[in-house]
Amino acid sequence: MRAMNGRLQIIRSPLMRNTFGRHNEQKRQHHHHRQRLDSDQLPKMVQFDESSDSYRCFCSCFHVKTGAFCIAASGIALTTILLMIVGITRNTAAFLVPHLFVQGLSILCFLGLIIIGIIAFITDSNVFYRLLNAAPFSEFPGQITVALPVHAQIRIYVIFFMYIISFFLEAWFIVIIYNCNRYFTERKKYMSYCLAYSTPLKTLNSAR
């Protein structure tokens, strides 16, 4: 810094200029190195197709998510079946109630699938085919209807027919289990009456 004619002038020495330039160069190199590290840490492009055949199960009839639901439901149903066997063996109506509840829920599920299938067949709606979840297909944005190939349609018709059969079987089974539950309830009342009034157990002996 020098004073000339009453004015101050700033004079940069070569040493100061070189130091400032070297600092900028180091800062630029550090920023470039950091950008390169950030670019190396960025995730690579990931491709995901939820309708891929690798996400199908049960001979490619269902999506793996639906298959997991089926396995979970089968586990619950197996537990209720074991309870029902114990109830039938011990003539206890209360052990049949869980199975009746599961059967009622199964009937509602099959009825919902049948309704969804009928709407999907009539309208070819993309939404209802996805709710039915019986065949793989690609969902395109903005597409309301979907045209499935012939083999996929045949597979859906077969599965839909199985849903109908299962619905009627469950309806038939729940009537049988309900009558068995009613039998055990009335039998218990009759046993209590017999123990109270010493009535001969002719009805129970003849029913065996």
N, C-alpha and C. Protein backbone atom coordinates (compact mmCIF):
# COMPACT_ATOMS: atom_id res chain seq x y z
N MET A 1 0.87 -1.17 0.00
CA MET A 1 0.00 0.00 0.00
C MET A 1 0.91 1.23 0.00
N ARG A 2 0.65 2.17 -0.93
CA ARG A 2 1.49 3.35 -1.07
C ARG A 2 0.60 4.57 -1.19
N ALA A 3 1.06 5.69 -0.60
CA ALA A 3 0.32 6.96 -0.67
C ALA A 3 0.93 7.82 -1.75
N MET A 4 0.17 8.20 -2.76
CA MET A 4 0.63 9.05 -3.85
C MET A 4 -0.41 10.13 -4.09
N ASN A 5 0.11 11.41 -4.01
CA ASN A 5 -0.75 12.58 -4.27
C ASN A 5 -2.00 12.56 -3.41
N GLY A 6 -1.84 12.14 -2.18
CA GLY A 6 -2.97 12.16 -1.25
C GLY A 6 -3.93 11.01 -1.43
N ARG A 7 -3.62 10.05 -2.30
CA ARG A 7 -4.49 8.90 -2.49
C ARG A 7 -3.74 7.61 -2.17
N LEU A 8 -4.51 6.69 -1.67
CA LEU A 8 -3.92 5.41 -1.31
C LEU A 8 -4.03 4.45 -2.48
N GLN A 9 -2.98 3.79 -2.77
CA GLN A 9 -2.98 2.77 -3.82
C GLN A 9 -2.52 1.44 -3.21
N ILE A 10 -3.26 0.40 -3.58
CA ILE A 10 -2.94 -0.94 -3.07
C ILE A 10 -2.11 -1.66 -4.11
N ILE A 11 -0.97 -2.10 -3.72
CA ILE A 11 -0.06 -2.83 -4.61
C ILE A 11 0.05 -4.25 -4.10
N ARG A 12 -0.31 -5.18 -4.97
CA ARG A 12 -0.22 -6.60 -4.62
C ARG A 12 1.16 -7.11 -4.99
N SER A 13 1.77 -7.69 -4.05
CA SER A 13 3.09 -8.25 -4.33
C SER A 13 2.94 -9.57 -5.06
N PRO A 14 3.94 -9.99 -5.84
CA PRO A 14 3.87 -11.28 -6.54
C PRO A 14 3.68 -12.45 -5.58
N LEU A 15 4.24 -12.32 -4.36
CA LEU A 15 4.12 -13.40 -3.39
C LEU A 15 2.68 -13.59 -2.97
N MET A 16 1.98 -12.51 -2.72
CA MET A 16 0.57 -12.59 -2.34
C MET A 16 -0.28 -13.13 -3.48
N ARG A 17 -0.02 -12.72 -4.71
CA ARG A 17 -0.82 -13.17 -5.84
C ARG A 17 -0.64 -14.66 -6.08
N ASN A 18 0.57 -15.13 -5.96
CA ASN A 18 0.81 -16.55 -6.17
C ASN A 18 0.17 -17.40 -5.07
N THR A 19 0.20 -16.89 -3.86
CA THR A 19 -0.42 -17.63 -2.76
C THR A 19 -1.93 -17.71 -2.95
N PHE A 20 -2.54 -16.61 -3.37
CA PHE A 20 -3.98 -16.60 -3.59
C PHE A 20 -4.37 -17.52 -4.74
N GLY A 21 -3.62 -17.52 -5.82
CA GLY A 21 -3.91 -18.40 -6.95
C GLY A 21 -3.74 -19.86 -6.61
N ARG A 22 -2.69 -20.15 -5.81
CA ARG A 22 -2.47 -21.53 -5.41
C ARG A 22 -3.59 -22.03 -4.50
N HIS A 23 -4.10 -21.14 -3.65
CA HIS A 23 -5.22 -21.51 -2.77
C HIS A 23 -6.48 -21.82 -3.59
N ASN A 24 -6.73 -21.00 -4.61
CA ASN A 24 -7.90 -21.25 -5.47
C ASN A 24 -7.76 -22.57 -6.23
N GLU A 25 -6.54 -22.85 -6.67
CA GLU A 25 -6.31 -24.10 -7.40
C GLU A 25 -6.52 -25.31 -6.51
N GLN A 26 -6.06 -25.25 -5.27
CA GLN A 26 -6.27 -26.35 -4.34
C GLN A 26 -7.75 -26.52 -4.02
N LYS A 27 -8.43 -25.40 -3.87
CA LYS A 27 -9.86 -25.46 -3.58
C LYS A 27 -10.63 -26.06 -4.75
N ARG A 28 -10.22 -25.70 -5.99
CA ARG A 28 -10.88 -26.24 -7.16
C ARG A 28 -10.63 -27.75 -7.29
N GLN A 29 -9.40 -28.18 -7.02
CA GLN A 29 -9.10 -29.60 -7.09
C GLN A 29 -9.86 -30.39 -6.02
N HIS A 30 -9.97 -29.81 -4.83
CA HIS A 30 -10.71 -30.48 -3.76
C HIS A 30 -12.19 -30.61 -4.12
N HIS A 31 -12.75 -29.56 -4.72
CA HIS A 31 -14.16 -29.60 -5.12
C HIS A 31 -14.38 -30.63 -6.22
N HIS A 32 -13.43 -30.70 -7.18
CA HIS A 32 -13.54 -31.68 -8.26
C HIS A 32 -13.43 -33.10 -7.71
N HIS A 33 -12.52 -33.31 -6.75
CA HIS A 33 -12.36 -34.63 -6.15
C HIS A 33 -13.62 -35.04 -5.38
N ARG A 34 -14.21 -34.07 -4.70
CA ARG A 34 -15.44 -34.36 -3.94
C ARG A 34 -16.59 -34.69 -4.88
N GLN A 35 -16.68 -33.97 -6.01
CA GLN A 35 -17.73 -34.29 -6.98
C GLN A 35 -17.55 -35.69 -7.55
N ARG A 36 -16.30 -36.08 -7.78
CA ARG A 36 -16.05 -37.41 -8.31
C ARG A 36 -16.42 -38.49 -7.30
N LEU A 37 -16.14 -38.23 -6.02
CA LEU A 37 -16.54 -39.19 -4.99
C LEU A 37 -18.05 -39.29 -4.88
N ASP A 38 -18.73 -38.14 -4.97
CA ASP A 38 -20.19 -38.15 -4.90
C ASP A 38 -20.80 -38.90 -6.08
N SER A 39 -20.20 -38.73 -7.27
CA SER A 39 -20.71 -39.44 -8.44
C SER A 39 -20.47 -40.94 -8.34
N ASP A 40 -19.35 -41.33 -7.68
CA ASP A 40 -19.09 -42.75 -7.50
C ASP A 40 -20.06 -43.38 -6.49
N GLN A 41 -20.52 -42.57 -5.54
CA GLN A 41 -21.43 -43.08 -4.52
C GLN A 41 -22.89 -43.07 -4.95
N LEU A 42 -23.21 -42.47 -6.09
CA LEU A 42 -24.59 -42.44 -6.55
C LEU A 42 -25.06 -43.85 -6.92
N PRO A 43 -26.29 -44.22 -6.58
CA PRO A 43 -26.77 -45.57 -6.93
C PRO A 43 -26.94 -45.72 -8.44
N LYS A 44 -26.68 -46.93 -8.90
CA LYS A 44 -26.84 -47.21 -10.31
C LYS A 44 -28.33 -47.36 -10.64
N MET A 45 -28.65 -47.31 -11.90
CA MET A 45 -30.04 -47.41 -12.34
C MET A 45 -30.61 -48.79 -11.99
N VAL A 46 -31.77 -48.79 -11.34
CA VAL A 46 -32.42 -50.01 -10.90
C VAL A 46 -33.67 -50.23 -11.74
N GLN A 47 -33.81 -51.40 -12.31
CA GLN A 47 -34.98 -51.77 -13.11
C GLN A 47 -35.84 -52.73 -12.30
N PHE A 48 -37.12 -52.44 -12.24
CA PHE A 48 -38.05 -53.25 -11.46
C PHE A 48 -39.35 -53.42 -12.23
N ASP A 49 -39.76 -54.66 -12.40
CA ASP A 49 -41.01 -54.99 -13.08
C ASP A 49 -41.80 -55.92 -12.16
N GLU A 50 -42.84 -55.38 -11.54
CA GLU A 50 -43.62 -56.18 -10.60
C GLU A 50 -44.40 -57.29 -11.27
N SER A 51 -44.56 -57.22 -12.59
CA SER A 51 -45.27 -58.26 -13.32
C SER A 51 -44.33 -59.31 -13.91
N SER A 52 -43.07 -59.28 -13.49
CA SER A 52 -42.11 -60.23 -14.02
C SER A 52 -42.46 -61.66 -13.59
N ASP A 53 -42.08 -62.62 -14.43
CA ASP A 53 -42.35 -64.02 -14.12
C ASP A 53 -41.59 -64.50 -12.88
N SER A 54 -40.51 -63.81 -12.53
CA SER A 54 -39.77 -64.20 -11.33
C SER A 54 -40.53 -63.89 -10.06
N TYR A 55 -41.57 -63.07 -10.16
CA TYR A 55 -42.41 -62.74 -9.00
C TYR A 55 -43.75 -63.49 -9.05
N ARG A 56 -43.79 -64.60 -9.78
CA ARG A 56 -44.99 -65.43 -9.84
C ARG A 56 -44.76 -66.71 -9.04
N CYS A 57 -45.82 -67.33 -8.59
CA CYS A 57 -45.72 -68.57 -7.83
C CYS A 57 -46.92 -69.45 -8.15
N PHE A 58 -46.89 -70.69 -7.65
CA PHE A 58 -47.95 -71.66 -7.91
C PHE A 58 -48.17 -71.84 -9.41
N CYS A 59 -47.08 -72.25 -10.09
CA CYS A 59 -47.11 -72.47 -11.54
C CYS A 59 -47.48 -71.19 -12.29
N SER A 60 -46.96 -70.06 -11.82
CA SER A 60 -47.17 -68.74 -12.43
C SER A 60 -48.63 -68.31 -12.43
N CYS A 61 -49.42 -68.87 -11.52
CA CYS A 61 -50.84 -68.50 -11.45
C CYS A 61 -51.07 -67.26 -10.61
N PHE A 62 -50.23 -67.03 -9.60
CA PHE A 62 -50.44 -65.93 -8.68
C PHE A 62 -49.16 -65.13 -8.52
N HIS A 63 -49.33 -63.88 -8.12
CA HIS A 63 -48.20 -63.05 -7.72
C HIS A 63 -47.69 -63.54 -6.37
N VAL A 64 -46.39 -63.32 -6.10
CA VAL A 64 -45.81 -63.82 -4.86
C VAL A 64 -46.48 -63.18 -3.63
N LYS A 65 -46.97 -61.95 -3.77
CA LYS A 65 -47.67 -61.31 -2.65
C LYS A 65 -48.97 -62.04 -2.35
N THR A 66 -49.71 -62.39 -3.40
CA THR A 66 -50.93 -63.17 -3.21
C THR A 66 -50.61 -64.56 -2.67
N GLY A 67 -49.51 -65.15 -3.15
CA GLY A 67 -49.10 -66.45 -2.63
C GLY A 67 -48.76 -66.40 -1.15
N ALA A 68 -48.11 -65.31 -0.71
CA ALA A 68 -47.80 -65.16 0.71
C ALA A 68 -49.07 -65.05 1.54
N PHE A 69 -50.06 -64.32 1.01
CA PHE A 69 -51.35 -64.24 1.70
C PHE A 69 -52.00 -65.62 1.79
N CYS A 70 -51.92 -66.40 0.73
CA CYS A 70 -52.51 -67.74 0.73
C CYS A 70 -51.83 -68.65 1.76
N ILE A 71 -50.50 -68.54 1.85
CA ILE A 71 -49.77 -69.36 2.82
C ILE A 71 -50.14 -68.96 4.24
N ALA A 72 -50.24 -67.64 4.49
CA ALA A 72 -50.64 -67.17 5.83
C ALA A 72 -52.05 -67.62 6.17
N ALA A 73 -52.95 -67.52 5.19
CA ALA A 73 -54.33 -67.97 5.43
C ALA A 73 -54.39 -69.47 5.65
N SER A 74 -53.53 -70.22 4.95
CA SER A 74 -53.51 -71.67 5.13
C SER A 74 -53.04 -72.03 6.54
N GLY A 75 -52.06 -71.27 7.05
CA GLY A 75 -51.60 -71.51 8.42
C GLY A 75 -52.70 -71.27 9.44
N ILE A 76 -53.44 -70.17 9.25
CA ILE A 76 -54.56 -69.88 10.16
C ILE A 76 -55.64 -70.95 10.04
N ALA A 77 -55.94 -71.34 8.80
CA ALA A 77 -56.96 -72.37 8.59
C ALA A 77 -56.55 -73.70 9.21
N LEU A 78 -55.25 -74.04 9.12
CA LEU A 78 -54.78 -75.29 9.71
C LEU A 78 -54.96 -75.28 11.23
N THR A 79 -54.70 -74.12 11.85
CA THR A 79 -54.89 -74.01 13.29
C THR A 79 -56.35 -74.21 13.68
N THR A 80 -57.25 -73.59 12.92
CA THR A 80 -58.68 -73.76 13.22
C THR A 80 -59.15 -75.19 12.96
N ILE A 81 -58.55 -75.85 11.98
CA ILE A 81 -58.91 -77.25 11.71
C ILE A 81 -58.50 -78.14 12.88
N LEU A 82 -57.30 -77.89 13.43
CA LEU A 82 -56.86 -78.66 14.59
C LEU A 82 -57.78 -78.44 15.78
N LEU A 83 -58.18 -77.18 15.99
CA LEU A 83 -59.13 -76.89 17.07
C LEU A 83 -60.46 -77.59 16.83
N MET A 84 -60.89 -77.62 15.58
CA MET A 84 -62.15 -78.28 15.26
C MET A 84 -62.06 -79.78 15.53
N ILE A 85 -60.92 -80.40 15.22
CA ILE A 85 -60.75 -81.83 15.49
C ILE A 85 -60.83 -82.10 16.99
N VAL A 86 -60.19 -81.22 17.77
CA VAL A 86 -60.27 -81.37 19.23
C VAL A 86 -61.71 -81.20 19.70
N GLY A 87 -62.42 -80.22 19.12
CA GLY A 87 -63.81 -80.00 19.51
C GLY A 87 -64.72 -81.16 19.17
N ILE A 88 -64.51 -81.76 18.00
CA ILE A 88 -65.32 -82.92 17.61
C ILE A 88 -65.02 -84.12 18.50
N THR A 89 -63.73 -84.28 18.85
CA THR A 89 -63.35 -85.40 19.70
C THR A 89 -63.94 -85.26 21.10
N ARG A 90 -63.95 -84.03 21.62
CA ARG A 90 -64.41 -83.80 22.99
C ARG A 90 -65.86 -83.31 23.06
N ASN A 91 -66.53 -83.29 21.93
CA ASN A 91 -67.93 -82.85 21.89
C ASN A 91 -68.11 -81.44 22.45
N THR A 92 -67.20 -80.54 22.06
CA THR A 92 -67.23 -79.17 22.55
C THR A 92 -67.53 -78.24 21.39
N ALA A 93 -68.64 -77.52 21.50
CA ALA A 93 -69.05 -76.65 20.40
C ALA A 93 -68.17 -75.41 20.26
N ALA A 94 -67.58 -74.96 21.37
CA ALA A 94 -66.79 -73.72 21.33
C ALA A 94 -65.56 -73.85 20.43
N PHE A 95 -65.01 -75.05 20.31
CA PHE A 95 -63.82 -75.24 19.48
C PHE A 95 -64.14 -75.20 17.98
N LEU A 96 -65.41 -75.24 17.64
CA LEU A 96 -65.80 -75.16 16.23
C LEU A 96 -66.01 -73.72 15.77
N VAL A 97 -66.12 -72.80 16.72
CA VAL A 97 -66.40 -71.40 16.38
C VAL A 97 -65.28 -70.76 15.55
N PRO A 98 -63.98 -70.95 15.90
CA PRO A 98 -62.93 -70.34 15.05
C PRO A 98 -62.99 -70.80 13.60
N HIS A 99 -63.28 -72.08 13.39
CA HIS A 99 -63.36 -72.57 12.02
C HIS A 99 -64.57 -71.98 11.29
N LEU A 100 -65.67 -71.81 12.00
CA LEU A 100 -66.83 -71.16 11.39
C LEU A 100 -66.51 -69.72 10.99
N PHE A 101 -65.76 -69.02 11.84
CA PHE A 101 -65.37 -67.64 11.52
C PHE A 101 -64.47 -67.59 10.29
N VAL A 102 -63.48 -68.49 10.22
CA VAL A 102 -62.58 -68.52 9.06
C VAL A 102 -63.33 -68.90 7.80
N GLN A 103 -64.27 -69.83 7.91
CA GLN A 103 -65.06 -70.21 6.74
C GLN A 103 -65.94 -69.06 6.25
N GLY A 104 -66.53 -68.33 7.19
CA GLY A 104 -67.32 -67.16 6.79
C GLY A 104 -66.47 -66.11 6.11
N LEU A 105 -65.26 -65.88 6.63
CA LEU A 105 -64.35 -64.93 5.98
C LEU A 105 -63.92 -65.41 4.61
N SER A 106 -63.70 -66.72 4.47
CA SER A 106 -63.32 -67.28 3.16
C SER A 106 -64.45 -67.11 2.15
N ILE A 107 -65.68 -67.30 2.59
CA ILE A 107 -66.83 -67.13 1.69
C ILE A 107 -66.91 -65.69 1.20
N LEU A 108 -66.68 -64.73 2.09
CA LEU A 108 -66.70 -63.32 1.69
C LEU A 108 -65.58 -63.02 0.70
N CYS A 109 -64.39 -63.59 0.94
CA CYS A 109 -63.26 -63.35 0.03
C CYS A 109 -63.53 -63.94 -1.35
N PHE A 110 -64.03 -65.17 -1.39
CA PHE A 110 -64.33 -65.79 -2.68
C PHE A 110 -65.45 -65.05 -3.41
N LEU A 111 -66.43 -64.58 -2.66
CA LEU A 111 -67.50 -63.80 -3.28
C LEU A 111 -66.96 -62.50 -3.87
N GLY A 112 -66.06 -61.84 -3.13
CA GLY A 112 -65.45 -60.62 -3.67
C GLY A 112 -64.62 -60.88 -4.91
N LEU A 113 -63.86 -61.99 -4.93
CA LEU A 113 -63.07 -62.34 -6.11
C LEU A 113 -63.96 -62.66 -7.30
N ILE A 114 -65.08 -63.31 -7.06
CA ILE A 114 -66.00 -63.62 -8.16
C ILE A 114 -66.59 -62.34 -8.74
N ILE A 115 -66.98 -61.41 -7.88
CA ILE A 115 -67.53 -60.14 -8.37
C ILE A 115 -66.47 -59.36 -9.14
N ILE A 116 -65.24 -59.31 -8.62
CA ILE A 116 -64.15 -58.62 -9.31
C ILE A 116 -63.88 -59.27 -10.66
N GLY A 117 -63.89 -60.61 -10.70
CA GLY A 117 -63.64 -61.31 -11.96
C GLY A 117 -64.71 -61.02 -13.00
N ILE A 118 -65.98 -61.00 -12.58
CA ILE A 118 -67.06 -60.71 -13.53
C ILE A 118 -66.91 -59.31 -14.10
N ILE A 119 -66.61 -58.34 -13.23
CA ILE A 119 -66.43 -56.95 -13.71
C ILE A 119 -65.23 -56.86 -14.64
N ALA A 120 -64.15 -57.58 -14.31
CA ALA A 120 -62.96 -57.55 -15.17
C ALA A 120 -63.24 -58.15 -16.53
N PHE A 121 -64.00 -59.25 -16.59
CA PHE A 121 -64.31 -59.88 -17.87
C PHE A 121 -65.21 -58.99 -18.73
N ILE A 122 -66.12 -58.27 -18.08
CA ILE A 122 -67.06 -57.44 -18.84
C ILE A 122 -66.40 -56.16 -19.34
N THR A 123 -65.62 -55.52 -18.49
CA THR A 123 -65.07 -54.19 -18.81
C THR A 123 -63.63 -54.22 -19.29
N ASP A 124 -62.90 -55.33 -19.09
CA ASP A 124 -61.46 -55.38 -19.38
C ASP A 124 -60.71 -54.27 -18.66
N SER A 125 -61.19 -53.93 -17.48
CA SER A 125 -60.60 -52.83 -16.72
C SER A 125 -59.24 -53.23 -16.16
N ASN A 126 -58.29 -52.32 -16.29
CA ASN A 126 -56.95 -52.55 -15.77
C ASN A 126 -56.97 -52.70 -14.26
N VAL A 127 -57.80 -51.90 -13.59
CA VAL A 127 -57.85 -51.91 -12.12
C VAL A 127 -58.36 -53.25 -11.60
N PHE A 128 -59.43 -53.76 -12.20
CA PHE A 128 -60.03 -55.00 -11.71
C PHE A 128 -59.17 -56.21 -12.05
N TYR A 129 -58.43 -56.16 -13.16
CA TYR A 129 -57.49 -57.24 -13.43
C TYR A 129 -56.37 -57.25 -12.41
N ARG A 130 -55.95 -56.07 -11.99
CA ARG A 130 -54.91 -56.01 -10.97
C ARG A 130 -55.44 -56.47 -9.62
N LEU A 131 -56.70 -56.17 -9.31
CA LEU A 131 -57.29 -56.67 -8.07
C LEU A 131 -57.46 -58.18 -8.11
N LEU A 132 -57.81 -58.70 -9.29
CA LEU A 132 -57.91 -60.15 -9.44
C LEU A 132 -56.54 -60.80 -9.31
N ASN A 133 -55.51 -60.13 -9.87
CA ASN A 133 -54.11 -60.53 -9.69
C ASN A 133 -53.88 -61.98 -10.07
N ALA A 134 -54.40 -62.37 -11.22
CA ALA A 134 -54.31 -63.76 -11.65
C ALA A 134 -53.36 -63.98 -12.81
N ALA A 135 -52.90 -62.92 -13.46
CA ALA A 135 -52.01 -63.08 -14.61
C ALA A 135 -51.08 -61.88 -14.69
N PRO A 136 -49.82 -62.08 -15.12
CA PRO A 136 -48.89 -60.96 -15.23
C PRO A 136 -49.20 -60.10 -16.43
N PHE A 137 -49.09 -58.81 -16.27
CA PHE A 137 -49.22 -57.88 -17.38
C PHE A 137 -48.55 -56.58 -16.99
N SER A 138 -48.19 -55.78 -17.99
CA SER A 138 -47.52 -54.50 -17.74
C SER A 138 -48.56 -53.41 -17.66
N GLU A 139 -48.40 -52.59 -16.64
CA GLU A 139 -49.31 -51.47 -16.44
C GLU A 139 -48.72 -50.23 -17.09
N PHE A 140 -49.41 -49.67 -18.05
CA PHE A 140 -48.95 -48.47 -18.72
C PHE A 140 -49.69 -47.27 -18.14
N PRO A 141 -48.98 -46.18 -17.90
CA PRO A 141 -49.65 -45.00 -17.34
C PRO A 141 -50.75 -44.48 -18.25
N GLY A 142 -51.88 -44.18 -17.67
CA GLY A 142 -52.99 -43.62 -18.42
C GLY A 142 -53.82 -44.63 -19.17
N GLN A 143 -53.48 -45.91 -19.08
CA GLN A 143 -54.24 -46.94 -19.80
C GLN A 143 -55.33 -47.49 -18.88
N ILE A 144 -56.58 -47.37 -19.29
CA ILE A 144 -57.71 -47.79 -18.46
C ILE A 144 -58.00 -49.27 -18.64
N THR A 145 -57.97 -49.75 -19.87
CA THR A 145 -58.24 -51.15 -20.16
C THR A 145 -56.95 -51.85 -20.55
N VAL A 146 -56.95 -53.17 -20.46
CA VAL A 146 -55.78 -53.95 -20.80
C VAL A 146 -56.23 -55.17 -21.61
N ALA A 147 -55.46 -55.50 -22.63
CA ALA A 147 -55.74 -56.66 -23.48
C ALA A 147 -54.72 -57.75 -23.15
N LEU A 148 -55.17 -58.82 -22.54
CA LEU A 148 -54.29 -59.91 -22.15
C LEU A 148 -54.16 -60.92 -23.28
N PRO A 149 -53.03 -61.60 -23.37
CA PRO A 149 -52.89 -62.65 -24.39
C PRO A 149 -53.83 -63.82 -24.11
N VAL A 150 -53.95 -64.70 -25.12
CA VAL A 150 -54.93 -65.79 -25.04
C VAL A 150 -54.59 -66.74 -23.90
N HIS A 151 -53.31 -67.10 -23.75
CA HIS A 151 -52.95 -68.05 -22.69
C HIS A 151 -53.21 -67.46 -21.31
N ALA A 152 -53.03 -66.15 -21.15
CA ALA A 152 -53.32 -65.51 -19.87
C ALA A 152 -54.82 -65.50 -19.59
N GLN A 153 -55.62 -65.27 -20.62
CA GLN A 153 -57.07 -65.29 -20.44
C GLN A 153 -57.56 -66.68 -20.05
N ILE A 154 -57.01 -67.72 -20.69
CA ILE A 154 -57.40 -69.09 -20.34
C ILE A 154 -57.05 -69.39 -18.88
N ARG A 155 -55.87 -68.94 -18.47
CA ARG A 155 -55.45 -69.17 -17.09
C ARG A 155 -56.39 -68.46 -16.11
N ILE A 156 -56.79 -67.24 -16.45
CA ILE A 156 -57.70 -66.49 -15.58
C ILE A 156 -59.06 -67.17 -15.51
N TYR A 157 -59.56 -67.67 -16.64
CA TYR A 157 -60.85 -68.37 -16.63
C TYR A 157 -60.79 -69.63 -15.76
N VAL A 158 -59.68 -70.36 -15.83
CA VAL A 158 -59.54 -71.56 -15.00
C VAL A 158 -59.52 -71.19 -13.52
N ILE A 159 -58.75 -70.16 -13.18
CA ILE A 159 -58.69 -69.73 -11.78
C ILE A 159 -60.04 -69.21 -11.31
N PHE A 160 -60.74 -68.49 -12.18
CA PHE A 160 -62.06 -67.97 -11.83
C PHE A 160 -63.04 -69.12 -11.58
N PHE A 161 -62.96 -70.16 -12.39
CA PHE A 161 -63.81 -71.34 -12.19
C PHE A 161 -63.48 -72.02 -10.87
N MET A 162 -62.20 -72.05 -10.49
CA MET A 162 -61.81 -72.61 -9.20
C MET A 162 -62.36 -71.77 -8.05
N TYR A 163 -62.38 -70.45 -8.23
CA TYR A 163 -62.97 -69.59 -7.20
C TYR A 163 -64.45 -69.91 -7.00
N ILE A 164 -65.17 -70.13 -8.09
CA ILE A 164 -66.60 -70.45 -7.99
C ILE A 164 -66.81 -71.77 -7.26
N ILE A 165 -66.02 -72.80 -7.63
CA ILE A 165 -66.14 -74.10 -6.97
C ILE A 165 -65.82 -73.97 -5.48
N SER A 166 -64.75 -73.24 -5.17
CA SER A 166 -64.37 -73.07 -3.76
C SER A 166 -65.45 -72.33 -2.98
N PHE A 167 -66.10 -71.37 -3.62
CA PHE A 167 -67.16 -70.62 -2.95
C PHE A 167 -68.31 -71.55 -2.55
N PHE A 168 -68.76 -72.38 -3.48
CA PHE A 168 -69.87 -73.28 -3.17
C PHE A 168 -69.47 -74.37 -2.18
N LEU A 169 -68.22 -74.84 -2.27
CA LEU A 169 -67.76 -75.83 -1.29
C LEU A 169 -67.71 -75.24 0.11
N GLU A 170 -67.19 -74.02 0.22
CA GLU A 170 -67.14 -73.37 1.54
C GLU A 170 -68.54 -73.13 2.09
N ALA A 171 -69.47 -72.73 1.22
CA ALA A 171 -70.85 -72.53 1.66
C ALA A 171 -71.46 -73.84 2.14
N TRP A 172 -71.16 -74.93 1.45
CA TRP A 172 -71.67 -76.25 1.87
C TRP A 172 -71.05 -76.69 3.18
N PHE A 173 -69.71 -76.49 3.30
CA PHE A 173 -69.00 -76.91 4.51
C PHE A 173 -69.45 -76.13 5.74
N ILE A 174 -69.70 -74.83 5.57
CA ILE A 174 -70.08 -74.03 6.73
C ILE A 174 -71.45 -74.44 7.26
N VAL A 175 -72.33 -74.90 6.37
CA VAL A 175 -73.63 -75.40 6.82
C VAL A 175 -73.45 -76.66 7.66
N ILE A 176 -72.55 -77.55 7.21
CA ILE A 176 -72.30 -78.80 7.94
C ILE A 176 -71.70 -78.51 9.31
N ILE A 177 -70.68 -77.63 9.34
CA ILE A 177 -70.03 -77.32 10.61
C ILE A 177 -70.99 -76.59 11.55
N TYR A 178 -71.83 -75.74 10.99
CA TYR A 178 -72.81 -75.04 11.83
C TYR A 178 -73.80 -76.02 12.45
N ASN A 179 -74.26 -76.99 11.66
CA ASN A 179 -75.17 -78.00 12.20
C ASN A 179 -74.48 -78.86 13.26
N CYS A 180 -73.19 -79.14 13.05
CA CYS A 180 -72.44 -79.89 14.05
C CYS A 180 -72.30 -79.08 15.34
N ASN A 181 -72.04 -77.79 15.20
CA ASN A 181 -71.95 -76.92 16.36
C ASN A 181 -73.29 -76.86 17.11
N ARG A 182 -74.37 -76.80 16.36
CA ARG A 182 -75.70 -76.78 16.99
C ARG A 182 -76.00 -78.12 17.68
N TYR A 183 -75.52 -79.20 17.07
CA TYR A 183 -75.71 -80.53 17.68
C TYR A 183 -75.00 -80.61 19.02
N PHE A 184 -73.74 -80.14 19.08
CA PHE A 184 -73.00 -80.19 20.33
C PHE A 184 -73.64 -79.29 21.39
N THR A 185 -74.16 -78.14 20.97
CA THR A 185 -74.81 -77.23 21.92
C THR A 185 -76.07 -77.86 22.51
N GLU A 186 -76.91 -78.42 21.64
CA GLU A 186 -78.14 -79.05 22.13
C GLU A 186 -77.84 -80.32 22.93
N ARG A 187 -76.78 -81.02 22.54
CA ARG A 187 -76.38 -82.23 23.28
C ARG A 187 -75.94 -81.86 24.69
N LYS A 188 -75.21 -80.76 24.80
CA LYS A 188 -74.76 -80.32 26.13
C LYS A 188 -75.95 -79.95 27.01
N LYS A 189 -76.94 -79.29 26.42
CA LYS A 189 -78.14 -78.94 27.19
C LYS A 189 -78.88 -80.20 27.64
N TYR A 190 -78.95 -81.18 26.74
CA TYR A 190 -79.64 -82.43 27.09
C TYR A 190 -78.90 -83.19 28.18
N MET A 191 -77.55 -83.15 28.10
CA MET A 191 -76.76 -83.81 29.13
C MET A 191 -76.98 -83.15 30.48
N SER A 192 -77.04 -81.84 30.49
CA SER A 192 -77.30 -81.13 31.75
C SER A 192 -78.67 -81.48 32.30
N TYR A 193 -79.64 -81.59 31.39
CA TYR A 193 -80.99 -81.97 31.82
C TYR A 193 -81.01 -83.39 32.38
N CYS A 194 -80.26 -84.29 31.73
CA CYS A 194 -80.22 -85.68 32.19
C CYS A 194 -79.56 -85.79 33.55
N LEU A 195 -78.47 -85.03 33.74
CA LEU A 195 -77.80 -85.07 35.03
C LEU A 195 -78.65 -84.47 36.13
N ALA A 196 -79.50 -83.51 35.77
CA ALA A 196 -80.33 -82.86 36.78
C ALA A 196 -81.54 -83.70 37.15
N TYR A 197 -82.14 -84.38 36.18
CA TYR A 197 -83.39 -85.09 36.43
C TYR A 197 -83.28 -86.60 36.24
N SER A 198 -82.04 -87.11 36.03
CA SER A 198 -81.80 -88.55 35.91
C SER A 198 -82.63 -89.16 34.79
N THR A 199 -82.68 -88.50 33.64
CA THR A 199 -83.41 -89.02 32.49
C THR A 199 -82.54 -90.05 31.77
N PRO A 200 -83.09 -91.15 31.33
CA PRO A 200 -82.29 -92.13 30.59
C PRO A 200 -81.71 -91.52 29.31
N LEU A 201 -80.48 -91.91 28.99
CA LEU A 201 -79.77 -91.35 27.84
C LEU A 201 -80.04 -92.19 26.60
N LYS A 202 -81.30 -92.41 26.28
CA LYS A 202 -81.64 -93.21 25.11
C LYS A 202 -81.30 -92.47 23.82
N THR A 203 -81.55 -91.18 23.80
CA THR A 203 -81.30 -90.41 22.58
C THR A 203 -79.82 -90.37 22.25
N LEU A 204 -78.99 -90.18 23.27
CA LEU A 204 -77.55 -90.11 23.03
C LEU A 204 -77.00 -91.45 22.60
N ASN A 205 -77.48 -92.52 23.20
CA ASN A 205 -76.99 -93.84 22.82
C ASN A 205 -77.41 -94.22 21.40
N SER A 206 -78.59 -93.80 20.99
CA SER A 206 -79.06 -94.12 19.65
C SER A 206 -78.38 -93.27 18.59
N ALA A 207 -77.84 -92.12 18.97
CA ALA A 207 -77.20 -91.23 18.00
C ALA A 207 -75.79 -91.66 17.67
N ARG A 208 -75.21 -92.53 18.47
CA ARG A 208 -73.83 -92.95 18.23
C ARG A 208 -73.76 -94.01 17.13
